[in-house]
Amino acid sequence: MKVTANKIDLKDLLSKDPKVKYGCAKNLLSLAKDNPAELYPKFDYFVELLDSENKILRWIAIDIIGSLSKVDKRCYQKES
């Protein structure tokens, strides 16, 4: 089954159940790597995770943001 942003509930990343939380993280990491443009609209959510007390969630956010940077047009706009 192909993972898509529509099939991932970001609330699962905050689940108390480790299987749910890290299963969601695995799917998000895969999607960010394979199709970052699909996940890019959620960029700000992952930036917010950088303030999480959970180190693993911060690491996941860093990895995902790195993948999403491939499609971030704001970084590449030149000033006139």
N, C-alpha and C. Protein backbone atom coordinates (compact mmCIF):
# COMPACT_ATOMS: atom_id res chain seq x y z
N MET A 1 0.84 -1.18 0.00
CA MET A 1 0.00 0.00 0.00
C MET A 1 0.89 1.24 0.00
N LYS A 2 0.62 2.15 -0.89
CA LYS A 2 1.37 3.39 -0.98
C LYS A 2 0.88 4.36 0.09
N VAL A 3 1.82 4.97 0.79
CA VAL A 3 1.50 5.93 1.83
C VAL A 3 1.26 7.29 1.21
N THR A 4 0.14 7.92 1.58
CA THR A 4 -0.16 9.27 1.11
C THR A 4 -0.50 10.14 2.31
N ALA A 5 -0.36 11.44 2.15
CA ALA A 5 -0.64 12.37 3.23
C ALA A 5 -2.09 12.25 3.70
N ASN A 6 -3.00 11.93 2.79
CA ASN A 6 -4.41 11.80 3.16
C ASN A 6 -4.66 10.61 4.07
N LYS A 7 -3.79 9.62 4.03
CA LYS A 7 -3.98 8.41 4.84
C LYS A 7 -3.27 8.50 6.19
N ILE A 8 -2.54 9.58 6.43
CA ILE A 8 -1.80 9.74 7.68
C ILE A 8 -2.49 10.78 8.55
N ASP A 9 -2.77 10.40 9.79
CA ASP A 9 -3.35 11.33 10.76
C ASP A 9 -2.21 11.84 11.63
N LEU A 10 -1.88 13.11 11.52
CA LEU A 10 -0.76 13.68 12.26
C LEU A 10 -0.96 13.58 13.77
N LYS A 11 -2.20 13.46 14.22
CA LYS A 11 -2.46 13.29 15.65
C LYS A 11 -1.86 11.98 16.16
N ASP A 12 -1.71 11.00 15.29
CA ASP A 12 -1.12 9.72 15.68
C ASP A 12 0.34 9.88 16.11
N LEU A 13 0.99 10.92 15.65
CA LEU A 13 2.38 11.18 16.02
C LEU A 13 2.49 11.55 17.51
N LEU A 14 1.39 11.99 18.09
CA LEU A 14 1.36 12.37 19.50
C LEU A 14 0.68 11.32 20.38
N SER A 15 0.40 10.17 19.81
CA SER A 15 -0.28 9.08 20.52
C SER A 15 0.56 8.59 21.70
N LYS A 16 -0.11 8.14 22.74
CA LYS A 16 0.57 7.54 23.88
C LYS A 16 1.01 6.11 23.57
N ASP A 17 0.39 5.50 22.57
CA ASP A 17 0.73 4.14 22.16
C ASP A 17 1.96 4.18 21.25
N PRO A 18 3.09 3.63 21.70
CA PRO A 18 4.31 3.69 20.89
C PRO A 18 4.16 3.07 19.50
N LYS A 19 3.37 2.03 19.37
CA LYS A 19 3.18 1.40 18.05
C LYS A 19 2.51 2.36 17.09
N VAL A 20 1.53 3.09 17.58
CA VAL A 20 0.82 4.06 16.75
C VAL A 20 1.75 5.23 16.42
N LYS A 21 2.41 5.76 17.46
CA LYS A 21 3.28 6.93 17.30
C LYS A 21 4.41 6.66 16.31
N TYR A 22 5.13 5.58 16.51
CA TYR A 22 6.30 5.32 15.68
C TYR A 22 5.94 4.70 14.33
N GLY A 23 4.77 4.08 14.25
CA GLY A 23 4.26 3.64 12.95
C GLY A 23 3.95 4.85 12.08
N CYS A 24 3.33 5.84 12.69
CA CYS A 24 3.03 7.09 11.99
C CYS A 24 4.33 7.78 11.57
N ALA A 25 5.29 7.82 12.47
CA ALA A 25 6.58 8.46 12.16
C ALA A 25 7.26 7.77 10.98
N LYS A 26 7.22 6.45 10.97
CA LYS A 26 7.83 5.70 9.87
C LYS A 26 7.17 6.04 8.54
N ASN A 27 5.84 6.12 8.55
CA ASN A 27 5.11 6.48 7.32
C ASN A 27 5.42 7.90 6.87
N LEU A 28 5.50 8.82 7.82
CA LEU A 28 5.81 10.21 7.48
C LEU A 28 7.22 10.34 6.91
N LEU A 29 8.18 9.66 7.51
CA LEU A 29 9.55 9.70 7.01
C LEU A 29 9.63 9.14 5.59
N SER A 30 8.92 8.06 5.35
CA SER A 30 8.90 7.45 4.02
C SER A 30 8.28 8.40 2.99
N LEU A 31 7.16 8.99 3.36
CA LEU A 31 6.49 9.92 2.45
C LEU A 31 7.35 11.15 2.19
N ALA A 32 7.98 11.67 3.23
CA ALA A 32 8.83 12.85 3.06
C ALA A 32 9.99 12.56 2.13
N LYS A 33 10.51 11.35 2.20
CA LYS A 33 11.63 10.98 1.34
C LYS A 33 11.18 10.75 -0.10
N ASP A 34 10.07 10.03 -0.27
CA ASP A 34 9.62 9.63 -1.61
C ASP A 34 8.79 10.69 -2.34
N ASN A 35 8.05 11.49 -1.59
CA ASN A 35 7.16 12.48 -2.21
C ASN A 35 7.03 13.71 -1.31
N PRO A 36 8.11 14.46 -1.14
CA PRO A 36 8.08 15.59 -0.20
C PRO A 36 7.04 16.66 -0.55
N ALA A 37 6.72 16.82 -1.81
CA ALA A 37 5.75 17.84 -2.20
C ALA A 37 4.36 17.56 -1.62
N GLU A 38 4.05 16.29 -1.44
CA GLU A 38 2.74 15.93 -0.90
C GLU A 38 2.63 16.30 0.58
N LEU A 39 3.74 16.23 1.28
CA LEU A 39 3.75 16.51 2.71
C LEU A 39 4.09 17.97 3.02
N TYR A 40 4.61 18.69 2.05
CA TYR A 40 5.07 20.06 2.26
C TYR A 40 4.02 20.99 2.88
N PRO A 41 2.74 20.89 2.54
CA PRO A 41 1.76 21.80 3.15
C PRO A 41 1.71 21.70 4.69
N LYS A 42 2.24 20.64 5.25
CA LYS A 42 2.27 20.45 6.71
C LYS A 42 3.60 20.91 7.31
N PHE A 43 4.41 21.63 6.55
CA PHE A 43 5.75 22.05 6.97
C PHE A 43 5.75 22.69 8.36
N ASP A 44 4.83 23.62 8.60
CA ASP A 44 4.79 24.34 9.87
C ASP A 44 4.55 23.40 11.06
N TYR A 45 3.79 22.34 10.84
CA TYR A 45 3.55 21.37 11.90
C TYR A 45 4.86 20.74 12.36
N PHE A 46 5.71 20.42 11.41
CA PHE A 46 6.99 19.78 11.74
C PHE A 46 7.95 20.77 12.39
N VAL A 47 7.86 22.03 12.01
CA VAL A 47 8.66 23.07 12.67
C VAL A 47 8.25 23.16 14.15
N GLU A 48 6.95 23.09 14.42
CA GLU A 48 6.47 23.13 15.80
C GLU A 48 7.00 21.95 16.61
N LEU A 49 7.16 20.79 15.98
CA LEU A 49 7.67 19.61 16.68
C LEU A 49 9.11 19.79 17.16
N LEU A 50 9.82 20.74 16.59
CA LEU A 50 11.19 21.00 17.03
C LEU A 50 11.24 21.46 18.48
N ASP A 51 10.12 21.93 19.01
CA ASP A 51 10.04 22.36 20.41
C ASP A 51 9.53 21.26 21.33
N SER A 52 9.31 20.08 20.81
CA SER A 52 8.79 18.97 21.60
C SER A 52 9.80 18.55 22.68
N GLU A 53 9.29 18.12 23.81
CA GLU A 53 10.16 17.58 24.85
C GLU A 53 10.65 16.18 24.49
N ASN A 54 9.97 15.53 23.56
CA ASN A 54 10.33 14.19 23.13
C ASN A 54 11.45 14.28 22.09
N LYS A 55 12.63 13.81 22.46
CA LYS A 55 13.79 13.91 21.56
C LYS A 55 13.57 13.17 20.25
N ILE A 56 12.90 12.04 20.30
CA ILE A 56 12.68 11.27 19.08
C ILE A 56 11.78 12.05 18.12
N LEU A 57 10.75 12.70 18.65
CA LEU A 57 9.89 13.51 17.79
C LEU A 57 10.68 14.67 17.18
N ARG A 58 11.59 15.24 17.94
CA ARG A 58 12.43 16.32 17.39
C ARG A 58 13.31 15.79 16.26
N TRP A 59 13.89 14.61 16.45
CA TRP A 59 14.74 14.02 15.41
C TRP A 59 13.93 13.72 14.15
N ILE A 60 12.73 13.20 14.36
CA ILE A 60 11.85 12.90 13.23
C ILE A 60 11.53 14.20 12.48
N ALA A 61 11.21 15.25 13.23
CA ALA A 61 10.89 16.54 12.61
C ALA A 61 12.08 17.05 11.81
N ILE A 62 13.29 16.92 12.35
CA ILE A 62 14.49 17.37 11.64
C ILE A 62 14.65 16.61 10.33
N ASP A 63 14.48 15.29 10.38
CA ASP A 63 14.60 14.48 9.15
C ASP A 63 13.56 14.88 8.12
N ILE A 64 12.33 15.06 8.57
CA ILE A 64 11.25 15.40 7.64
C ILE A 64 11.47 16.79 7.05
N ILE A 65 11.83 17.76 7.87
CA ILE A 65 12.09 19.11 7.36
C ILE A 65 13.22 19.08 6.34
N GLY A 66 14.23 18.28 6.60
CA GLY A 66 15.33 18.14 5.64
C GLY A 66 14.83 17.64 4.30
N SER A 67 13.94 16.66 4.32
CA SER A 67 13.39 16.13 3.08
C SER A 67 12.48 17.14 2.39
N LEU A 68 11.70 17.87 3.18
CA LEU A 68 10.78 18.86 2.61
C LEU A 68 11.52 20.05 2.01
N SER A 69 12.73 20.29 2.47
CA SER A 69 13.49 21.42 1.94
C SER A 69 13.78 21.27 0.45
N LYS A 70 13.72 20.05 -0.05
CA LYS A 70 13.94 19.81 -1.48
C LYS A 70 12.90 20.51 -2.35
N VAL A 71 11.71 20.72 -1.80
CA VAL A 71 10.63 21.32 -2.58
C VAL A 71 10.23 22.70 -2.07
N ASP A 72 10.99 23.25 -1.14
CA ASP A 72 10.69 24.56 -0.57
C ASP A 72 11.16 25.65 -1.51
N LYS A 73 10.22 26.28 -2.19
CA LYS A 73 10.54 27.32 -3.16
C LYS A 73 10.95 28.63 -2.47
N ARG A 74 10.50 28.84 -1.24
CA ARG A 74 10.83 30.07 -0.54
C ARG A 74 12.32 30.21 -0.32
N CYS A 75 13.02 29.11 -0.15
CA CYS A 75 14.46 29.15 0.09
C CYS A 75 15.23 29.58 -1.15
N TYR A 76 14.64 29.38 -2.31
CA TYR A 76 15.36 29.59 -3.55
C TYR A 76 15.00 30.89 -4.26
N GLN A 77 14.09 31.66 -3.70
CA GLN A 77 13.70 32.91 -4.33
C GLN A 77 14.82 33.94 -4.16
N LYS A 78 15.22 34.54 -5.24
CA LYS A 78 16.26 35.56 -5.20
C LYS A 78 15.61 36.92 -5.03
N GLU A 79 16.27 37.75 -4.24
CA GLU A 79 15.77 39.10 -4.06
C GLU A 79 16.15 39.94 -5.27
N SER A 80 15.25 40.83 -5.66
CA SER A 80 15.51 41.69 -6.84
C SER A 80 16.21 42.95 -6.44
